[in-house]
Amino acid sequence: YDPQTRIFQTDRYLLRQSAMQEARTARGEYSPPACGVG
């Protein structure tokens, strides 16, 4: 999202199972911080 232009964009990547599993593994390695955290 770009607050200056107010453009919201979604890029979608349709992956095969092996690539999707790699992405899920990488995503599982971190926990996104909550709003308001420094």
PDB file of all heavy atoms in Angstrom:
ATOM      1  N   TYR A   1       0.846  -1.195   0.000  1.00  0.00           N
ATOM      2  CA  TYR A   1       0.000   0.000   0.000  1.00  0.00           C
ATOM      3  C   TYR A   1       0.880   1.244   0.000  1.00  0.00           C
ATOM      4  O   TYR A   1       1.869   1.317   0.743  1.00  0.00           O
ATOM      5  CB  TYR A   1      -0.927   0.023   1.223  1.00  0.00           C
ATOM      6  CG  TYR A   1      -1.793   1.270   1.292  1.00  0.00           C
ATOM      7  CD1 TYR A   1      -2.732   1.531   0.305  1.00  0.00           C
ATOM      8  CD2 TYR A   1      -1.655   2.187   2.333  1.00  0.00           C
ATOM      9  CE1 TYR A   1      -3.524   2.676   0.344  1.00  0.00           C
ATOM     10  CE2 TYR A   1      -2.439   3.326   2.382  1.00  0.00           C
ATOM     11  CZ  TYR A   1      -3.370   3.568   1.386  1.00  0.00           C
ATOM     12  OH  TYR A   1      -4.136   4.704   1.419  1.00  0.00           O
ATOM     13  N   ASP A   2       0.523   2.204  -0.850  1.00  0.00           N
ATOM     14  CA  ASP A   2       1.243   3.476  -0.939  1.00  0.00           C
ATOM     15  C   ASP A   2       0.315   4.582  -0.449  1.00  0.00           C
ATOM     16  O   ASP A   2      -0.634   4.952  -1.147  1.00  0.00           O
ATOM     17  CB  ASP A   2       1.660   3.741  -2.387  1.00  0.00           C
ATOM     18  CG  ASP A   2       2.495   5.008  -2.515  1.00  0.00           C
ATOM     19  OD1 ASP A   2       2.651   5.727  -1.510  1.00  0.00           O
ATOM     20  OD2 ASP A   2       2.995   5.293  -3.626  1.00  0.00           O
ATOM     21  N   PRO A   3       0.543   5.119   0.765  1.00  0.00           N
ATOM     22  CA  PRO A   3      -0.341   6.164   1.283  1.00  0.00           C
ATOM     23  C   PRO A   3      -0.318   7.437   0.438  1.00  0.00           C
ATOM     24  O   PRO A   3      -1.297   8.192   0.445  1.00  0.00           O
ATOM     25  CB  PRO A   3       0.203   6.429   2.698  1.00  0.00           C
ATOM     26  CG  PRO A   3       1.019   5.221   3.036  1.00  0.00           C
ATOM     27  CD  PRO A   3       1.581   4.737   1.742  1.00  0.00           C
ATOM     28  N   GLN A   4       0.795   7.697  -0.267  1.00  0.00           N
ATOM     29  CA  GLN A   4       0.878   8.922  -1.056  1.00  0.00           C
ATOM     30  C   GLN A   4      -0.085   8.901  -2.236  1.00  0.00           C
ATOM     31  O   GLN A   4      -0.740   9.883  -2.538  1.00  0.00           O
ATOM     32  CB  GLN A   4       2.321   9.114  -1.558  1.00  0.00           C
ATOM     33  CG  GLN A   4       3.347   9.278  -0.459  1.00  0.00           C
ATOM     34  CD  GLN A   4       3.126  10.548   0.354  1.00  0.00           C
ATOM     35  OE1 GLN A   4       2.733  11.572  -0.188  1.00  0.00           O
ATOM     36  NE2 GLN A   4       3.369  10.476   1.657  1.00  0.00           N
ATOM     37  N   THR A   5      -0.152   7.769  -2.918  1.00  0.00           N
ATOM     38  CA  THR A   5      -1.021   7.656  -4.098  1.00  0.00           C
ATOM     39  C   THR A   5      -2.324   6.929  -3.799  1.00  0.00           C
ATOM     40  O   THR A   5      -3.202   6.873  -4.660  1.00  0.00           O
ATOM     41  CB  THR A   5      -0.288   6.905  -5.216  1.00  0.00           C
ATOM     42  OG1 THR A   5       0.056   5.579  -4.755  1.00  0.00           O
ATOM     43  CG2 THR A   5       0.990   7.635  -5.612  1.00  0.00           C
ATOM     44  N   ARG A   6      -2.410   6.342  -2.591  1.00  0.00           N
ATOM     45  CA  ARG A   6      -3.566   5.520  -2.209  1.00  0.00           C
ATOM     46  C   ARG A   6      -3.797   4.392  -3.210  1.00  0.00           C
ATOM     47  O   ARG A   6      -4.915   4.129  -3.640  1.00  0.00           O
ATOM     48  CB  ARG A   6      -4.816   6.383  -2.069  1.00  0.00           C
ATOM     49  CG  ARG A   6      -4.807   7.229  -0.797  1.00  0.00           C
ATOM     50  CD  ARG A   6      -6.121   7.941  -0.599  1.00  0.00           C
ATOM     51  NE  ARG A   6      -6.144   8.613   0.708  1.00  0.00           N
ATOM     52  CZ  ARG A   6      -7.139   9.384   1.130  1.00  0.00           C
ATOM     53  NH1 ARG A   6      -8.184   9.563   0.359  1.00  0.00           N
ATOM     54  NH2 ARG A   6      -7.089   9.958   2.313  1.00  0.00           N
ATOM     55  N   ILE A   7      -2.718   3.717  -3.554  1.00  0.00           N
ATOM     56  CA  ILE A   7      -2.768   2.545  -4.424  1.00  0.00           C
ATOM     57  C   ILE A   7      -2.491   1.308  -3.572  1.00  0.00           C
ATOM     58  O   ILE A   7      -1.455   1.218  -2.902  1.00  0.00           O
ATOM     59  CB  ILE A   7      -1.745   2.644  -5.561  1.00  0.00           C
ATOM     60  CG1 ILE A   7      -2.102   3.795  -6.497  1.00  0.00           C
ATOM     61  CG2 ILE A   7      -1.693   1.335  -6.339  1.00  0.00           C
ATOM     62  CD1 ILE A   7      -3.414   3.620  -7.231  1.00  0.00           C
ATOM     63  N   PHE A   8      -3.435   0.365  -3.600  1.00  0.00           N
ATOM     64  CA  PHE A   8      -3.274  -0.930  -2.928  1.00  0.00           C
ATOM     65  C   PHE A   8      -3.042  -1.984  -4.000  1.00  0.00           C
ATOM     66  O   PHE A   8      -3.764  -2.026  -5.005  1.00  0.00           O
ATOM     67  CB  PHE A   8      -4.525  -1.261  -2.111  1.00  0.00           C
ATOM     68  CG  PHE A   8      -4.459  -2.583  -1.407  1.00  0.00           C
ATOM     69  CD1 PHE A   8      -3.673  -2.756  -0.290  1.00  0.00           C
ATOM     70  CD2 PHE A   8      -5.195  -3.673  -1.869  1.00  0.00           C
ATOM     71  CE1 PHE A   8      -3.618  -3.980   0.358  1.00  0.00           C
ATOM     72  CE2 PHE A   8      -5.156  -4.893  -1.231  1.00  0.00           C
ATOM     73  CZ  PHE A   8      -4.359  -5.047  -0.107  1.00  0.00           C
ATOM     74  N   GLN A   9      -2.033  -2.828  -3.816  1.00  0.00           N
ATOM     75  CA  GLN A   9      -1.661  -3.792  -4.857  1.00  0.00           C
ATOM     76  C   GLN A   9      -1.430  -5.165  -4.246  1.00  0.00           C
ATOM     77  O   GLN A   9      -0.857  -5.295  -3.162  1.00  0.00           O
ATOM     78  CB  GLN A   9      -0.389  -3.316  -5.573  1.00  0.00           C
ATOM     79  CG  GLN A   9       0.128  -4.266  -6.639  1.00  0.00           C
ATOM     80  CD  GLN A   9       1.296  -3.675  -7.403  1.00  0.00           C
ATOM     81  OE1 GLN A   9       1.239  -2.554  -7.907  1.00  0.00           O
ATOM     82  NE2 GLN A   9       2.389  -4.431  -7.509  1.00  0.00           N
ATOM     83  N   THR A  10      -1.895  -6.190  -4.949  1.00  0.00           N
ATOM     84  CA  THR A  10      -1.663  -7.579  -4.551  1.00  0.00           C
ATOM     85  C   THR A  10      -0.997  -8.312  -5.689  1.00  0.00           C
ATOM     86  O   THR A  10      -1.537  -8.374  -6.797  1.00  0.00           O
ATOM     87  CB  THR A  10      -2.982  -8.288  -4.195  1.00  0.00           C
ATOM     88  OG1 THR A  10      -3.594  -7.647  -3.082  1.00  0.00           O
ATOM     89  CG2 THR A  10      -2.731  -9.742  -3.833  1.00  0.00           C
ATOM     90  N   ASP A  11       0.201  -8.845  -5.443  1.00  0.00           N
ATOM     91  CA  ASP A  11       0.894  -9.719  -6.387  1.00  0.00           C
ATOM     92  C   ASP A  11       0.735 -11.152  -5.904  1.00  0.00           C
ATOM     93  O   ASP A  11       1.072 -11.470  -4.754  1.00  0.00           O
ATOM     94  CB  ASP A  11       2.376  -9.372  -6.490  1.00  0.00           C
ATOM     95  CG  ASP A  11       2.628  -8.104  -7.294  1.00  0.00           C
ATOM     96  OD1 ASP A  11       1.672  -7.609  -7.907  1.00  0.00           O
ATOM     97  OD2 ASP A  11       3.771  -7.623  -7.308  1.00  0.00           O
ATOM     98  N   ARG A  12       0.213 -12.017  -6.778  1.00  0.00           N
ATOM     99  CA  ARG A  12      -0.050 -13.411  -6.409  1.00  0.00           C
ATOM    100  C   ARG A  12       0.881 -14.334  -7.192  1.00  0.00           C
ATOM    101  O   ARG A  12       1.005 -14.222  -8.422  1.00  0.00           O
ATOM    102  CB  ARG A  12      -1.508 -13.782  -6.692  1.00  0.00           C
ATOM    103  CG  ARG A  12      -2.463 -13.269  -5.639  1.00  0.00           C
ATOM    104  CD  ARG A  12      -3.917 -13.473  -6.041  1.00  0.00           C
ATOM    105  NE  ARG A  12      -4.212 -14.825  -6.481  1.00  0.00           N
ATOM    106  CZ  ARG A  12      -4.533 -15.833  -5.693  1.00  0.00           C
ATOM    107  NH1 ARG A  12      -4.586 -15.654  -4.392  1.00  0.00           N
ATOM    108  NH2 ARG A  12      -4.815 -17.018  -6.193  1.00  0.00           N
ATOM    109  N   TYR A  13       1.522 -15.248  -6.466  1.00  0.00           N
ATOM    110  CA  TYR A  13       2.427 -16.223  -7.055  1.00  0.00           C
ATOM    111  C   TYR A  13       1.814 -17.612  -6.874  1.00  0.00           C
ATOM    112  O   TYR A  13       1.654 -18.083  -5.734  1.00  0.00           O
ATOM    113  CB  TYR A  13       3.799 -16.168  -6.378  1.00  0.00           C
ATOM    114  CG  TYR A  13       4.487 -14.830  -6.495  1.00  0.00           C
ATOM    115  CD1 TYR A  13       4.162 -13.779  -5.631  1.00  0.00           C
ATOM    116  CD2 TYR A  13       5.453 -14.601  -7.471  1.00  0.00           C
ATOM    117  CE1 TYR A  13       4.789 -12.550  -5.733  1.00  0.00           C
ATOM    118  CE2 TYR A  13       6.086 -13.367  -7.579  1.00  0.00           C
ATOM    119  CZ  TYR A  13       5.749 -12.354  -6.709  1.00  0.00           C
ATOM    120  OH  TYR A  13       6.371 -11.127  -6.818  1.00  0.00           O
ATOM    121  N   LEU A  14       1.433 -18.252  -7.984  1.00  0.00           N
ATOM    122  CA  LEU A  14       0.810 -19.575  -7.937  1.00  0.00           C
ATOM    123  C   LEU A  14       1.917 -20.615  -8.045  1.00  0.00           C
ATOM    124  O   LEU A  14       2.517 -20.800  -9.109  1.00  0.00           O
ATOM    125  CB  LEU A  14      -0.196 -19.711  -9.081  1.00  0.00           C
ATOM    126  CG  LEU A  14      -1.210 -18.567  -9.207  1.00  0.00           C
ATOM    127  CD1 LEU A  14      -2.160 -18.807 -10.361  1.00  0.00           C
ATOM    128  CD2 LEU A  14      -1.987 -18.381  -7.900  1.00  0.00           C
ATOM    129  N   LEU A  15       2.197 -21.303  -6.949  1.00  0.00           N
ATOM    130  CA  LEU A  15       3.380 -22.160  -6.841  1.00  0.00           C
ATOM    131  C   LEU A  15       3.010 -23.635  -6.849  1.00  0.00           C
ATOM    132  O   LEU A  15       1.920 -24.031  -6.434  1.00  0.00           O
ATOM    133  CB  LEU A  15       4.139 -21.835  -5.552  1.00  0.00           C
ATOM    134  CG  LEU A  15       4.534 -20.362  -5.346  1.00  0.00           C
ATOM    135  CD1 LEU A  15       5.264 -20.205  -4.024  1.00  0.00           C
ATOM    136  CD2 LEU A  15       5.386 -19.848  -6.490  1.00  0.00           C
ATOM    137  N   ARG A  16       3.968 -24.433  -7.295  1.00  0.00           N
ATOM    138  CA  ARG A  16       3.836 -25.876  -7.173  1.00  0.00           C
ATOM    139  C   ARG A  16       4.046 -26.270  -5.716  1.00  0.00           C
ATOM    140  O   ARG A  16       4.529 -25.466  -4.899  1.00  0.00           O
ATOM    141  CB  ARG A  16       4.840 -26.593  -8.081  1.00  0.00           C
ATOM    142  CG  ARG A  16       4.613 -26.290  -9.562  1.00  0.00           C
ATOM    143  CD  ARG A  16       5.509 -27.152 -10.435  1.00  0.00           C
ATOM    144  NE  ARG A  16       5.132 -28.562 -10.345  1.00  0.00           N
ATOM    145  CZ  ARG A  16       4.179 -29.125 -11.072  1.00  0.00           C
ATOM    146  NH1 ARG A  16       3.493 -28.405 -11.943  1.00  0.00           N
ATOM    147  NH2 ARG A  16       3.897 -30.410 -10.941  1.00  0.00           N
ATOM    148  N   GLN A  17       3.709 -27.525  -5.385  1.00  0.00           N
ATOM    149  CA  GLN A  17       3.719 -27.944  -3.982  1.00  0.00           C
ATOM    150  C   GLN A  17       5.092 -27.814  -3.350  1.00  0.00           C
ATOM    151  O   GLN A  17       5.216 -27.387  -2.191  1.00  0.00           O
ATOM    152  CB  GLN A  17       3.220 -29.384  -3.868  1.00  0.00           C
ATOM    153  CG  GLN A  17       1.724 -29.538  -4.059  1.00  0.00           C
ATOM    154  CD  GLN A  17       1.239 -30.937  -3.719  1.00  0.00           C
ATOM    155  OE1 GLN A  17       1.973 -31.752  -3.177  1.00  0.00           O
ATOM    156  NE2 GLN A  17      -0.018 -31.211  -4.050  1.00  0.00           N
ATOM    157  N   SER A  18       6.152 -28.167  -4.080  1.00  0.00           N
ATOM    158  CA  SER A  18       7.499 -28.107  -3.496  1.00  0.00           C
ATOM    159  C   SER A  18       7.885 -26.659  -3.182  1.00  0.00           C
ATOM    160  O   SER A  18       8.408 -26.361  -2.100  1.00  0.00           O
ATOM    161  CB  SER A  18       8.515 -28.723  -4.458  1.00  0.00           C
ATOM    162  OG  SER A  18       8.461 -28.078  -5.728  1.00  0.00           O
ATOM    163  N   ALA A  19       7.620 -25.741  -4.121  1.00  0.00           N
ATOM    164  CA  ALA A  19       7.937 -24.325  -3.887  1.00  0.00           C
ATOM    165  C   ALA A  19       7.063 -23.751  -2.784  1.00  0.00           C
ATOM    166  O   ALA A  19       7.519 -22.931  -1.970  1.00  0.00           O
ATOM    167  CB  ALA A  19       7.773 -23.533  -5.180  1.00  0.00           C
ATOM    168  N   MET A  20       5.812 -24.195  -2.732  1.00  0.00           N
ATOM    169  CA  MET A  20       4.913 -23.706  -1.698  1.00  0.00           C
ATOM    170  C   MET A  20       5.365 -24.172  -0.319  1.00  0.00           C
ATOM    171  O   MET A  20       5.294 -23.421   0.660  1.00  0.00           O
ATOM    172  CB  MET A  20       3.495 -24.183  -1.988  1.00  0.00           C
ATOM    173  CG  MET A  20       2.419 -23.457  -1.200  1.00  0.00           C
ATOM    174  SD  MET A  20       2.280 -21.734  -1.705  1.00  0.00           S
ATOM    175  CE  MET A  20       1.543 -21.027  -0.226  1.00  0.00           C
ATOM    176  N   GLN A  21       5.861 -25.388  -0.248  1.00  0.00           N
ATOM    177  CA  GLN A  21       6.340 -25.906   1.031  1.00  0.00           C
ATOM    178  C   GLN A  21       7.564 -25.132   1.510  1.00  0.00           C
ATOM    179  O   GLN A  21       7.709 -24.844   2.706  1.00  0.00           O
ATOM    180  CB  GLN A  21       6.670 -27.406   0.913  1.00  0.00           C
ATOM    181  CG  GLN A  21       7.001 -28.064   2.240  1.00  0.00           C
ATOM    182  CD  GLN A  21       5.895 -27.887   3.267  1.00  0.00           C
ATOM    183  OE1 GLN A  21       4.724 -28.104   2.988  1.00  0.00           O
ATOM    184  NE2 GLN A  21       6.263 -27.454   4.469  1.00  0.00           N
ATOM    185  N   GLU A  22       8.445 -24.765   0.581  1.00  0.00           N
ATOM    186  CA  GLU A  22       9.605 -23.951   0.957  1.00  0.00           C
ATOM    187  C   GLU A  22       9.161 -22.598   1.500  1.00  0.00           C
ATOM    188  O   GLU A  22       9.713 -22.102   2.492  1.00  0.00           O
ATOM    189  CB  GLU A  22      10.523 -23.751  -0.256  1.00  0.00           C
ATOM    190  CG  GLU A  22      11.269 -24.995  -0.693  1.00  0.00           C
ATOM    191  CD  GLU A  22      12.198 -24.700  -1.854  1.00  0.00           C
ATOM    192  OE1 GLU A  22      12.423 -23.509  -2.148  1.00  0.00           O
ATOM    193  OE2 GLU A  22      12.704 -25.650  -2.465  1.00  0.00           O
ATOM    194  N   ALA A  23       8.171 -22.003   0.849  1.00  0.00           N
ATOM    195  CA  ALA A  23       7.672 -20.709   1.318  1.00  0.00           C
ATOM    196  C   ALA A  23       7.041 -20.841   2.701  1.00  0.00           C
ATOM    197  O   ALA A  23       7.232 -19.972   3.562  1.00  0.00           O
ATOM    198  CB  ALA A  23       6.665 -20.148   0.314  1.00  0.00           C
ATOM    199  N   ARG A  24       6.288 -21.928   2.925  1.00  0.00           N
ATOM    200  CA  ARG A  24       5.665 -22.117   4.239  1.00  0.00           C
ATOM    201  C   ARG A  24       6.724 -22.339   5.319  1.00  0.00           C
ATOM    202  O   ARG A  24       6.584 -21.865   6.449  1.00  0.00           O
ATOM    203  CB  ARG A  24       4.700 -23.294   4.185  1.00  0.00           C
ATOM    204  CG  ARG A  24       3.408 -22.978   3.408  1.00  0.00           C
ATOM    205  CD  ARG A  24       2.525 -24.185   3.259  1.00  0.00           C
ATOM    206  NE  ARG A  24       1.291 -23.859   2.551  1.00  0.00           N
ATOM    207  CZ  ARG A  24       0.700 -24.655   1.679  1.00  0.00           C
ATOM    208  NH1 ARG A  24       1.223 -25.851   1.419  1.00  0.00           N
ATOM    209  NH2 ARG A  24      -0.410 -24.278   1.065  1.00  0.00           N
ATOM    210  N   THR A  25       7.782 -23.048   4.973  1.00  0.00           N
ATOM    211  CA  THR A  25       8.861 -23.277   5.946  1.00  0.00           C
ATOM    212  C   THR A  25       9.533 -21.959   6.314  1.00  0.00           C
ATOM    213  O   THR A  25       9.788 -21.676   7.489  1.00  0.00           O
ATOM    214  CB  THR A  25       9.897 -24.255   5.369  1.00  0.00           C
ATOM    215  OG1 THR A  25       9.254 -25.506   5.077  1.00  0.00           O
ATOM    216  CG2 THR A  25      11.029 -24.489   6.358  1.00  0.00           C
ATOM    217  N   ALA A  26       9.819 -21.138   5.294  1.00  0.00           N
ATOM    218  CA  ALA A  26      10.445 -19.836   5.558  1.00  0.00           C
ATOM    219  C   ALA A  26       9.516 -18.940   6.366  1.00  0.00           C
ATOM    220  O   ALA A  26       9.962 -18.210   7.260  1.00  0.00           O
ATOM    221  CB  ALA A  26      10.824 -19.161   4.236  1.00  0.00           C
ATOM    222  N   ARG A  27       8.223 -19.003   6.088  1.00  0.00           N
ATOM    223  CA  ARG A  27       7.271 -18.191   6.842  1.00  0.00           C
ATOM    224  C   ARG A  27       7.162 -18.665   8.292  1.00  0.00           C
ATOM    225  O   ARG A  27       6.946 -17.866   9.214  1.00  0.00           O
ATOM    226  CB  ARG A  27       5.901 -18.249   6.160  1.00  0.00           C
ATOM    227  CG  ARG A  27       4.758 -17.616   6.920  1.00  0.00           C
ATOM    228  CD  ARG A  27       4.996 -16.139   7.163  1.00  0.00           C
ATOM    229  NE  ARG A  27       3.905 -15.555   7.928  1.00  0.00           N
ATOM    230  CZ  ARG A  27       3.797 -15.630   9.246  1.00  0.00           C
ATOM    231  NH1 ARG A  27       4.744 -16.258   9.951  1.00  0.00           N
ATOM    232  NH2 ARG A  27       2.779 -15.072   9.866  1.00  0.00           N
ATOM    233  N   GLY A  28       7.320 -19.956   8.505  1.00  0.00           N
ATOM    234  CA  GLY A  28       7.209 -20.486   9.857  1.00  0.00           C
ATOM    235  C   GLY A  28       8.394 -20.137  10.738  1.00  0.00           C
ATOM    236  O   GLY A  28       8.346 -20.357  11.954  1.00  0.00           O
ATOM    237  N   GLU A  29       9.446 -19.575  10.155  1.00  0.00           N
ATOM    238  CA  GLU A  29      10.640 -19.244  10.941  1.00  0.00           C
ATOM    239  C   GLU A  29      10.530 -17.911  11.668  1.00  0.00           C
ATOM    240  O   GLU A  29      11.428 -17.539  12.422  1.00  0.00           O
ATOM    241  CB  GLU A  29      11.865 -19.233  10.019  1.00  0.00           C
ATOM    242  CG  GLU A  29      12.219 -20.608   9.462  1.00  0.00           C
ATOM    243  CD  GLU A  29      13.369 -20.556   8.474  1.00  0.00           C
ATOM    244  OE1 GLU A  29      13.852 -19.428   8.202  1.00  0.00           O
ATOM    245  OE2 GLU A  29      13.800 -21.626   7.996  1.00  0.00           O
ATOM    246  N   TYR A  30       9.470 -17.153  11.441  1.00  0.00           N
ATOM    247  CA  TYR A  30       9.341 -15.872  12.143  1.00  0.00           C
ATOM    248  C   TYR A  30       7.893 -15.626  12.536  1.00  0.00           C
ATOM    249  O   TYR A  30       6.970 -16.177  11.944  1.00  0.00           O
ATOM    250  CB  TYR A  30       9.859 -14.715  11.287  1.00  0.00           C
ATOM    251  CG  TYR A  30       9.019 -14.393  10.068  1.00  0.00           C
ATOM    252  CD1 TYR A  30       7.945 -13.506  10.133  1.00  0.00           C
ATOM    253  CD2 TYR A  30       9.321 -14.969   8.830  1.00  0.00           C
ATOM    254  CE1 TYR A  30       7.194 -13.198   9.015  1.00  0.00           C
ATOM    255  CE2 TYR A  30       8.567 -14.668   7.704  1.00  0.00           C
ATOM    256  CZ  TYR A  30       7.512 -13.778   7.804  1.00  0.00           C
ATOM    257  OH  TYR A  30       6.759 -13.479   6.698  1.00  0.00           O
ATOM    258  N   SER A  31       7.743 -14.809  13.568  1.00  0.00           N
ATOM    259  CA  SER A  31       6.418 -14.374  14.017  1.00  0.00           C
ATOM    260  C   SER A  31       6.321 -12.873  13.793  1.00  0.00           C
ATOM    261  O   SER A  31       7.122 -12.108  14.339  1.00  0.00           O
ATOM    262  CB  SER A  31       6.222 -14.685  15.504  1.00  0.00           C
ATOM    263  OG  SER A  31       6.239 -16.086  15.731  1.00  0.00           O
ATOM    264  N   PRO A  32       5.386 -12.422  12.983  1.00  0.00           N
ATOM    265  CA  PRO A  32       5.288 -10.990  12.704  1.00  0.00           C
ATOM    266  C   PRO A  32       5.014 -10.207  13.983  1.00  0.00           C
ATOM    267  O   PRO A  32       4.223 -10.632  14.832  1.00  0.00           O
ATOM    268  CB  PRO A  32       4.105 -10.892  11.735  1.00  0.00           C
ATOM    269  CG  PRO A  32       3.954 -12.264  11.164  1.00  0.00           C
ATOM    270  CD  PRO A  32       4.377 -13.204  12.236  1.00  0.00           C
ATOM    271  N   PRO A  33       5.653  -9.057  14.163  1.00  0.00           N
ATOM    272  CA  PRO A  33       5.387  -8.233  15.356  1.00  0.00           C
ATOM    273  C   PRO A  33       3.968  -7.671  15.323  1.00  0.00           C
ATOM    274  O   PRO A  33       3.395  -7.430  14.259  1.00  0.00           O
ATOM    275  CB  PRO A  33       6.434  -7.124  15.263  1.00  0.00           C
ATOM    276  CG  PRO A  33       6.782  -7.061  13.807  1.00  0.00           C
ATOM    277  CD  PRO A  33       6.656  -8.451  13.280  1.00  0.00           C
ATOM    278  N   ALA A  34       3.417  -7.468  16.496  1.00  0.00           N
ATOM    279  CA  ALA A  34       2.068  -6.907  16.594  1.00  0.00           C
ATOM    280  C   ALA A  34       2.107  -5.409  16.380  1.00  0.00           C
ATOM    281  O   ALA A  34       3.153  -4.761  16.486  1.00  0.00           O
ATOM    282  CB  ALA A  34       1.477  -7.236  17.961  1.00  0.00           C
ATOM    283  N   CYS A  35       0.969  -4.849  16.056  1.00  0.00           N
ATOM    284  CA  CYS A  35       0.863  -3.405  15.905  1.00  0.00           C
ATOM    285  C   CYS A  35       1.242  -2.719  17.217  1.00  0.00           C
ATOM    286  O   CYS A  35       0.889  -3.193  18.307  1.00  0.00           O
ATOM    287  CB  CYS A  35      -0.553  -3.006  15.509  1.00  0.00           C
ATOM    288  SG  CYS A  35      -1.029  -3.501  13.841  1.00  0.00           S
ATOM    289  N   GLY A  36       1.957  -1.616  17.120  1.00  0.00           N
ATOM    290  CA  GLY A  36       2.327  -0.858  18.301  1.00  0.00           C
ATOM    291  C   GLY A  36       3.664  -1.233  18.898  1.00  0.00           C
ATOM    292  O   GLY A  36       4.195  -0.497  19.732  1.00  0.00           O
ATOM    293  N   VAL A  37       4.246  -2.358  18.478  1.00  0.00           N
ATOM    294  CA  VAL A  37       5.562  -2.757  18.979  1.00  0.00           C
ATOM    295  C   VAL A  37       6.606  -1.824  18.381  1.00  0.00           C
ATOM    296  O   VAL A  37       6.550  -1.478  17.184  1.00  0.00           O
ATOM    297  CB  VAL A  37       5.855  -4.224  18.618  1.00  0.00           C
ATOM    298  CG1 VAL A  37       7.270  -4.601  19.029  1.00  0.00           C
ATOM    299  CG2 VAL A  37       4.845  -5.129  19.290  1.00  0.00           C
ATOM    300  N   GLY A  38       7.582  -1.437  19.181  1.00  0.00           N
ATOM    301  CA  GLY A  38       8.606  -0.529  18.715  1.00  0.00           C
ATOM    302  C   GLY A  38       9.379  -1.075  17.520  1.00  0.00           C
ATOM    303  O   GLY A  38       9.807  -2.229  17.515  1.00  0.00           O
TER     304      GLY A  38
END
